[in-house]
C-alpha cells in the first residue's frame, strides 16, 4: 500500500511533445464521442421502453372500456326486454319527481317571474 507517487503523478503538467499532445487530444475526442453515443443509445432505449409501456397501458384502458361499454349495453337490453317498456310504464328509478304523485309532468321554462299577491 505504498503509493507516494500517485498524487504527484496525477498532477503532472501536460506533455510538451506535440505528437503526444495530438494523440491525447484524439483519444479525448474519441472518448467524448463514445460517451455521447452511449448516452444517446441509453436515452433512446429508455424512450422506447416508455413508449411501449404507454401503448400497452392505452391498449389495456381501451380493452377495459370496451368491455364496460358492452356490459352496459347488455344490461340496458336486458332491462328493455323485462316488460316495463312494453307495458308503457316507466321504471321507478327512471321516473321524474312529478310523475310519482300521479300528477302530470310539467314543463320547466327558465326565465324571470313575478309573484302576484
N, C-alpha and C. Protein backbone atom coordinates (compact mmCIF):
# COMPACT_ATOMS: atom_id res chain seq x y z
N UNK A 1 0.83 -1.19 0.00
CA UNK A 1 0.00 0.00 0.00
C UNK A 1 0.87 1.25 0.00
N UNK A 2 1.98 1.16 -0.58
CA UNK A 2 2.87 2.31 -0.65
C UNK A 2 2.63 3.03 -1.97
N UNK A 3 1.92 4.17 -1.92
CA UNK A 3 1.60 4.95 -3.12
C UNK A 3 1.99 6.41 -2.95
N UNK A 4 3.18 6.72 -2.72
CA UNK A 4 3.53 8.13 -2.55
C UNK A 4 3.56 8.88 -3.86
N UNK A 5 3.73 8.19 -4.97
CA UNK A 5 3.87 8.87 -6.25
C UNK A 5 2.55 9.02 -6.99
N UNK A 6 1.47 8.44 -6.47
CA UNK A 6 0.17 8.52 -7.14
C UNK A 6 -0.33 9.96 -7.20
N UNK A 7 -0.21 10.65 -6.11
CA UNK A 7 -0.69 12.03 -6.07
C UNK A 7 0.14 12.92 -6.98
N UNK A 8 1.41 12.72 -6.99
CA UNK A 8 2.26 13.55 -7.84
C UNK A 8 2.10 13.18 -9.32
N UNK A 9 1.77 11.92 -9.59
CA UNK A 9 1.57 11.51 -10.98
C UNK A 9 0.29 12.13 -11.56
N UNK A 10 -0.72 12.32 -10.73
CA UNK A 10 -1.98 12.90 -11.21
C UNK A 10 -1.86 14.39 -11.47
N UNK A 11 -0.94 15.05 -10.88
CA UNK A 11 -0.79 16.50 -11.03
C UNK A 11 0.33 16.88 -11.98
N UNK A 12 0.75 15.99 -12.81
CA UNK A 12 1.81 16.31 -13.77
C UNK A 12 1.30 17.31 -14.80
N UNK A 13 2.14 18.17 -15.28
CA UNK A 13 1.71 19.10 -16.34
C UNK A 13 1.52 18.34 -17.66
N UNK A 14 0.79 18.96 -18.58
CA UNK A 14 0.56 18.35 -19.89
C UNK A 14 1.89 18.15 -20.60
N UNK A 15 2.00 17.11 -21.40
CA UNK A 15 3.27 16.86 -22.10
C UNK A 15 3.55 17.97 -23.11
N UNK A 16 4.81 18.23 -23.29
CA UNK A 16 5.22 19.29 -24.23
C UNK A 16 5.45 18.74 -25.63
N UNK A 17 5.56 17.45 -25.78
CA UNK A 17 5.77 16.83 -27.08
C UNK A 17 4.50 16.99 -27.92
N UNK A 18 4.56 17.63 -29.10
CA UNK A 18 3.36 17.87 -29.91
C UNK A 18 2.69 16.58 -30.40
N UNK A 19 3.45 15.56 -30.69
CA UNK A 19 2.86 14.30 -31.16
C UNK A 19 2.06 13.67 -30.03
N UNK A 20 2.63 13.68 -28.84
CA UNK A 20 1.94 13.12 -27.68
C UNK A 20 0.69 13.93 -27.35
N UNK A 21 0.77 15.23 -27.48
CA UNK A 21 -0.40 16.08 -27.24
C UNK A 21 -1.50 15.80 -28.26
N UNK A 22 -1.10 15.60 -29.53
CA UNK A 22 -2.08 15.28 -30.57
C UNK A 22 -2.76 13.94 -30.29
N UNK A 23 -1.98 12.95 -29.86
CA UNK A 23 -2.55 11.64 -29.53
C UNK A 23 -3.51 11.74 -28.35
N UNK A 24 -3.15 12.55 -27.36
CA UNK A 24 -4.04 12.73 -26.20
C UNK A 24 -5.33 13.44 -26.63
N UNK A 25 -5.21 14.42 -27.51
CA UNK A 25 -6.40 15.13 -27.99
C UNK A 25 -7.31 14.19 -28.78
N UNK A 26 -6.73 13.38 -29.64
CA UNK A 26 -7.52 12.42 -30.43
C UNK A 26 -8.19 11.40 -29.50
N UNK A 27 -7.43 10.93 -28.51
CA UNK A 27 -8.01 9.98 -27.54
C UNK A 27 -9.16 10.59 -26.76
N UNK A 28 -9.01 11.86 -26.35
CA UNK A 28 -10.08 12.54 -25.61
C UNK A 28 -11.30 12.74 -26.51
N UNK A 29 -11.08 13.08 -27.78
CA UNK A 29 -12.20 13.27 -28.71
C UNK A 29 -12.93 11.95 -28.93
N UNK A 30 -12.19 10.86 -29.06
CA UNK A 30 -12.82 9.55 -29.25
C UNK A 30 -13.62 9.16 -28.01
N UNK A 31 -13.06 9.39 -26.83
CA UNK A 31 -13.77 9.07 -25.58
C UNK A 31 -15.04 9.90 -25.45
N UNK A 32 -14.96 11.17 -25.83
CA UNK A 32 -16.14 12.03 -25.77
C UNK A 32 -17.21 11.54 -26.74
N UNK A 33 -16.82 11.19 -27.95
CA UNK A 33 -17.78 10.71 -28.95
C UNK A 33 -18.41 9.39 -28.50
N UNK A 34 -17.62 8.50 -27.95
CA UNK A 34 -18.16 7.21 -27.48
C UNK A 34 -19.13 7.42 -26.32
N UNK A 35 -18.79 8.30 -25.39
CA UNK A 35 -19.68 8.54 -24.25
C UNK A 35 -20.98 9.21 -24.71
N UNK A 36 -20.91 10.15 -25.66
CA UNK A 36 -22.14 10.76 -26.18
C UNK A 36 -23.00 9.74 -26.92
N UNK A 37 -22.35 8.87 -27.68
CA UNK A 37 -23.08 7.83 -28.41
C UNK A 37 -23.77 6.88 -27.44
N UNK A 38 -23.05 6.43 -26.42
CA UNK A 38 -23.65 5.52 -25.45
C UNK A 38 -24.78 6.20 -24.67
N UNK A 39 -24.59 7.45 -24.32
CA UNK A 39 -25.66 8.19 -23.64
C UNK A 39 -26.89 8.32 -24.50
N UNK A 40 -26.70 8.61 -25.78
CA UNK A 40 -27.85 8.72 -26.70
C UNK A 40 -28.54 7.37 -26.86
N UNK A 41 -27.76 6.29 -26.93
CA UNK A 41 -28.36 4.96 -27.07
C UNK A 41 -29.17 4.59 -25.83
N UNK A 42 -28.63 4.87 -24.67
CA UNK A 42 -29.36 4.58 -23.43
C UNK A 42 -30.63 5.41 -23.37
N UNK A 43 -30.55 6.68 -23.75
CA UNK A 43 -31.74 7.54 -23.77
C UNK A 43 -32.80 6.99 -24.73
N UNK A 44 -32.38 6.58 -25.92
CA UNK A 44 -33.34 6.05 -26.89
C UNK A 44 -33.96 4.74 -26.43
N UNK A 45 -33.18 3.90 -25.79
CA UNK A 45 -33.73 2.65 -25.25
C UNK A 45 -34.78 2.95 -24.18
N UNK A 46 -34.47 3.87 -23.27
CA UNK A 46 -35.44 4.23 -22.24
C UNK A 46 -36.68 4.90 -22.83
N UNK A 47 -36.49 5.73 -23.83
CA UNK A 47 -37.62 6.36 -24.51
C UNK A 47 -38.50 5.31 -25.19
N UNK A 48 -37.87 4.34 -25.85
CA UNK A 48 -38.62 3.26 -26.49
C UNK A 48 -39.39 2.43 -25.48
N UNK A 49 -38.77 2.13 -24.35
CA UNK A 49 -39.47 1.38 -23.31
C UNK A 49 -40.66 2.17 -22.78
N UNK A 50 -40.48 3.47 -22.61
CA UNK A 50 -41.59 4.31 -22.16
C UNK A 50 -42.73 4.33 -23.16
N UNK A 51 -42.40 4.40 -24.44
CA UNK A 51 -43.44 4.39 -25.47
C UNK A 51 -44.17 3.06 -25.51
N UNK A 52 -43.43 1.97 -25.40
CA UNK A 52 -44.07 0.65 -25.41
C UNK A 52 -44.98 0.48 -24.20
N UNK A 53 -44.50 0.89 -23.02
CA UNK A 53 -45.34 0.80 -21.83
C UNK A 53 -46.57 1.69 -21.95
N UNK A 54 -46.42 2.87 -22.54
CA UNK A 54 -47.57 3.75 -22.76
C UNK A 54 -48.58 3.14 -23.70
N UNK A 55 -48.10 2.51 -24.77
CA UNK A 55 -49.02 1.85 -25.71
C UNK A 55 -49.73 0.67 -25.06
N UNK A 56 -49.01 -0.09 -24.24
CA UNK A 56 -49.63 -1.22 -23.54
C UNK A 56 -50.70 -0.70 -22.58
N UNK A 57 -50.40 0.37 -21.87
CA UNK A 57 -51.38 0.94 -20.95
C UNK A 57 -52.60 1.47 -21.70
N UNK A 58 -52.38 2.15 -22.82
CA UNK A 58 -53.51 2.65 -23.61
C UNK A 58 -54.36 1.51 -24.15
N UNK A 59 -53.72 0.43 -24.60
CA UNK A 59 -54.47 -0.72 -25.10
C UNK A 59 -55.27 -1.36 -23.98
N UNK A 60 -54.69 -1.43 -22.81
CA UNK A 60 -55.40 -2.03 -21.66
C UNK A 60 -56.61 -1.18 -21.27
N UNK A 61 -56.46 0.12 -21.23
CA UNK A 61 -57.58 1.01 -20.91
C UNK A 61 -58.66 0.89 -21.98
N UNK A 62 -58.26 0.83 -23.25
CA UNK A 62 -59.23 0.69 -24.34
C UNK A 62 -59.99 -0.63 -24.19
N UNK A 63 -59.27 -1.70 -23.86
CA UNK A 63 -59.90 -3.01 -23.74
C UNK A 63 -60.91 -3.02 -22.58
N UNK A 64 -60.52 -2.47 -21.45
CA UNK A 64 -61.44 -2.43 -20.29
C UNK A 64 -62.63 -1.55 -20.60
N UNK A 65 -62.40 -0.41 -21.24
CA UNK A 65 -63.51 0.50 -21.58
C UNK A 65 -64.47 -0.17 -22.54
N UNK A 66 -63.95 -0.92 -23.51
CA UNK A 66 -64.80 -1.62 -24.47
C UNK A 66 -65.65 -2.67 -23.77
N UNK A 67 -65.06 -3.39 -22.84
CA UNK A 67 -65.81 -4.40 -22.08
C UNK A 67 -66.89 -3.75 -21.22
N UNK A 68 -66.56 -2.62 -20.59
CA UNK A 68 -67.55 -1.94 -19.76
C UNK A 68 -68.72 -1.42 -20.59
N UNK A 69 -68.42 -0.89 -21.75
CA UNK A 69 -69.49 -0.38 -22.62
C UNK A 69 -70.37 -1.54 -23.09
N UNK A 70 -69.75 -2.65 -23.46
CA UNK A 70 -70.53 -3.82 -23.90
C UNK A 70 -71.39 -4.34 -22.76
N UNK A 71 -70.87 -4.37 -21.53
CA UNK A 71 -71.67 -4.84 -20.39
C UNK A 71 -72.81 -3.88 -20.11
N UNK A 72 -72.55 -2.57 -20.24
CA UNK A 72 -73.60 -1.59 -20.02
C UNK A 72 -74.72 -1.73 -21.06
N UNK A 73 -74.34 -1.90 -22.32
CA UNK A 73 -75.35 -2.07 -23.37
C UNK A 73 -76.14 -3.36 -23.17
N UNK A 74 -75.47 -4.43 -22.75
CA UNK A 74 -76.19 -5.69 -22.49
C UNK A 74 -77.16 -5.53 -21.34
N UNK A 75 -76.78 -4.77 -20.32
CA UNK A 75 -77.66 -4.54 -19.18
C UNK A 75 -78.87 -3.72 -19.61
N UNK A 76 -78.65 -2.73 -20.47
CA UNK A 76 -79.78 -1.93 -20.95
C UNK A 76 -80.72 -2.77 -21.80
N UNK A 77 -80.19 -3.67 -22.62
CA UNK A 77 -81.04 -4.54 -23.43
C UNK A 77 -81.85 -5.48 -22.55
N UNK A 78 -81.23 -6.02 -21.50
CA UNK A 78 -81.97 -6.91 -20.59
C UNK A 78 -83.07 -6.15 -19.88
N UNK A 79 -82.82 -4.91 -19.47
CA UNK A 79 -83.85 -4.11 -18.81
C UNK A 79 -84.96 -3.74 -19.78
N UNK A 80 -84.60 -3.53 -21.03
CA UNK A 80 -85.61 -3.19 -22.03
C UNK A 80 -86.50 -4.39 -22.35
N UNK A 81 -85.99 -5.60 -22.22
CA UNK A 81 -86.77 -6.80 -22.52
C UNK A 81 -87.53 -7.32 -21.31
N UNK A 82 -87.42 -6.68 -20.16
CA UNK A 82 -88.06 -7.19 -18.95
C UNK A 82 -89.56 -6.96 -18.92
N UNK A 83 -90.10 -6.18 -19.83
CA UNK A 83 -91.55 -6.00 -19.89
C UNK A 83 -91.99 -4.61 -19.49
N UNK A 84 -91.16 -3.84 -18.84
CA UNK A 84 -91.55 -2.49 -18.43
C UNK A 84 -91.74 -1.60 -19.65
N UNK A 85 -90.91 -1.77 -20.64
CA UNK A 85 -91.01 -0.93 -21.83
C UNK A 85 -92.24 -1.30 -22.65
N UNK A 86 -92.61 -2.56 -22.67
CA UNK A 86 -93.76 -2.96 -23.47
C UNK A 86 -95.07 -2.56 -22.82
N UNK A 87 -95.13 -2.43 -21.51
CA UNK A 87 -96.37 -2.04 -20.85
C UNK A 87 -96.56 -0.54 -20.84
N UNK A 88 -95.57 0.22 -21.23
CA UNK A 88 -95.70 1.67 -21.29
C UNK A 88 -95.39 2.36 -19.97
N UNK A 89 -95.05 1.61 -18.94
CA UNK A 89 -94.75 2.21 -17.64
C UNK A 89 -93.26 2.51 -17.56
N UNK A 90 -92.96 3.57 -16.84
CA UNK A 90 -91.57 3.96 -16.64
C UNK A 90 -91.09 3.30 -15.35
N UNK A 91 -89.94 2.67 -15.36
CA UNK A 91 -89.44 2.05 -14.12
C UNK A 91 -89.27 3.10 -13.02
N UNK A 92 -89.44 2.70 -11.75
CA UNK A 92 -89.40 3.68 -10.65
C UNK A 92 -88.09 4.47 -10.58
N UNK A 93 -86.98 3.85 -10.90
CA UNK A 93 -85.72 4.57 -10.78
C UNK A 93 -85.51 5.57 -11.92
N UNK A 94 -86.37 5.54 -12.95
CA UNK A 94 -86.25 6.49 -14.05
C UNK A 94 -87.36 7.54 -14.04
N UNK A 95 -88.25 7.48 -13.07
CA UNK A 95 -89.35 8.45 -13.02
C UNK A 95 -88.87 9.80 -12.52
N UNK A 96 -89.53 10.83 -13.01
CA UNK A 96 -89.28 12.18 -12.53
C UNK A 96 -90.11 12.40 -11.28
N UNK A 97 -89.72 13.29 -10.40
CA UNK A 97 -90.48 13.51 -9.16
C UNK A 97 -91.94 13.89 -9.40
N UNK A 98 -92.26 14.60 -10.46
CA UNK A 98 -93.65 14.98 -10.73
C UNK A 98 -94.48 13.76 -11.14
N UNK A 99 -93.84 12.73 -11.68
CA UNK A 99 -94.57 11.54 -12.12
C UNK A 99 -94.99 10.66 -10.95
N UNK A 100 -94.35 10.74 -9.82
CA UNK A 100 -94.59 9.79 -8.74
C UNK A 100 -95.88 10.06 -8.00
N UNK A 101 -96.32 11.28 -7.95
CA UNK A 101 -97.53 11.60 -7.20
C UNK A 101 -98.80 11.43 -8.02
N UNK A 102 -98.71 10.93 -9.20
CA UNK A 102 -99.87 10.79 -10.04
C UNK A 102 -100.20 12.07 -10.79
N UNK A 103 -99.44 13.11 -10.58
CA UNK A 103 -99.67 14.36 -11.28
C UNK A 103 -99.04 14.27 -12.66
N UNK A 104 -99.57 15.04 -13.55
CA UNK A 104 -98.97 15.04 -14.88
C UNK A 104 -97.67 15.84 -14.85
N UNK A 105 -96.69 15.43 -15.63
CA UNK A 105 -95.41 16.15 -15.63
C UNK A 105 -95.57 17.52 -16.27
N UNK A 106 -94.89 18.48 -15.70
CA UNK A 106 -94.95 19.83 -16.23
C UNK A 106 -93.67 20.18 -16.96
N UNK A 107 -93.76 21.26 -17.71
CA UNK A 107 -92.58 21.75 -18.42
C UNK A 107 -91.92 22.83 -17.58
N UNK A 108 -90.62 22.82 -17.55
CA UNK A 108 -89.87 23.83 -16.83
C UNK A 108 -89.38 24.85 -17.85
N UNK A 109 -89.76 26.09 -17.63
CA UNK A 109 -89.34 27.16 -18.52
C UNK A 109 -88.47 28.10 -17.71
N UNK A 110 -87.27 28.30 -18.18
CA UNK A 110 -86.37 29.20 -17.47
C UNK A 110 -86.69 30.63 -17.84
N UNK A 111 -86.54 31.52 -16.89
CA UNK A 111 -86.76 32.92 -17.17
C UNK A 111 -87.14 33.67 -15.90
N UNK A 112 -87.60 34.89 -16.07
CA UNK A 112 -87.98 35.71 -14.92
C UNK A 112 -89.44 35.47 -14.60
N UNK A 113 -89.77 35.71 -13.34
CA UNK A 113 -91.17 35.59 -12.95
C UNK A 113 -91.46 36.67 -11.90
N UNK A 114 -92.72 36.99 -11.79
CA UNK A 114 -93.14 37.97 -10.79
C UNK A 114 -94.24 37.35 -9.97
N UNK A 115 -94.13 37.52 -8.68
CA UNK A 115 -95.11 36.94 -7.77
C UNK A 115 -96.19 37.98 -7.53
N UNK A 116 -97.44 37.57 -7.75
CA UNK A 116 -98.56 38.49 -7.52
C UNK A 116 -99.26 38.08 -6.24
N UNK A 117 -99.41 39.03 -5.34
CA UNK A 117 -100.09 38.75 -4.07
C UNK A 117 -101.49 39.26 -4.06
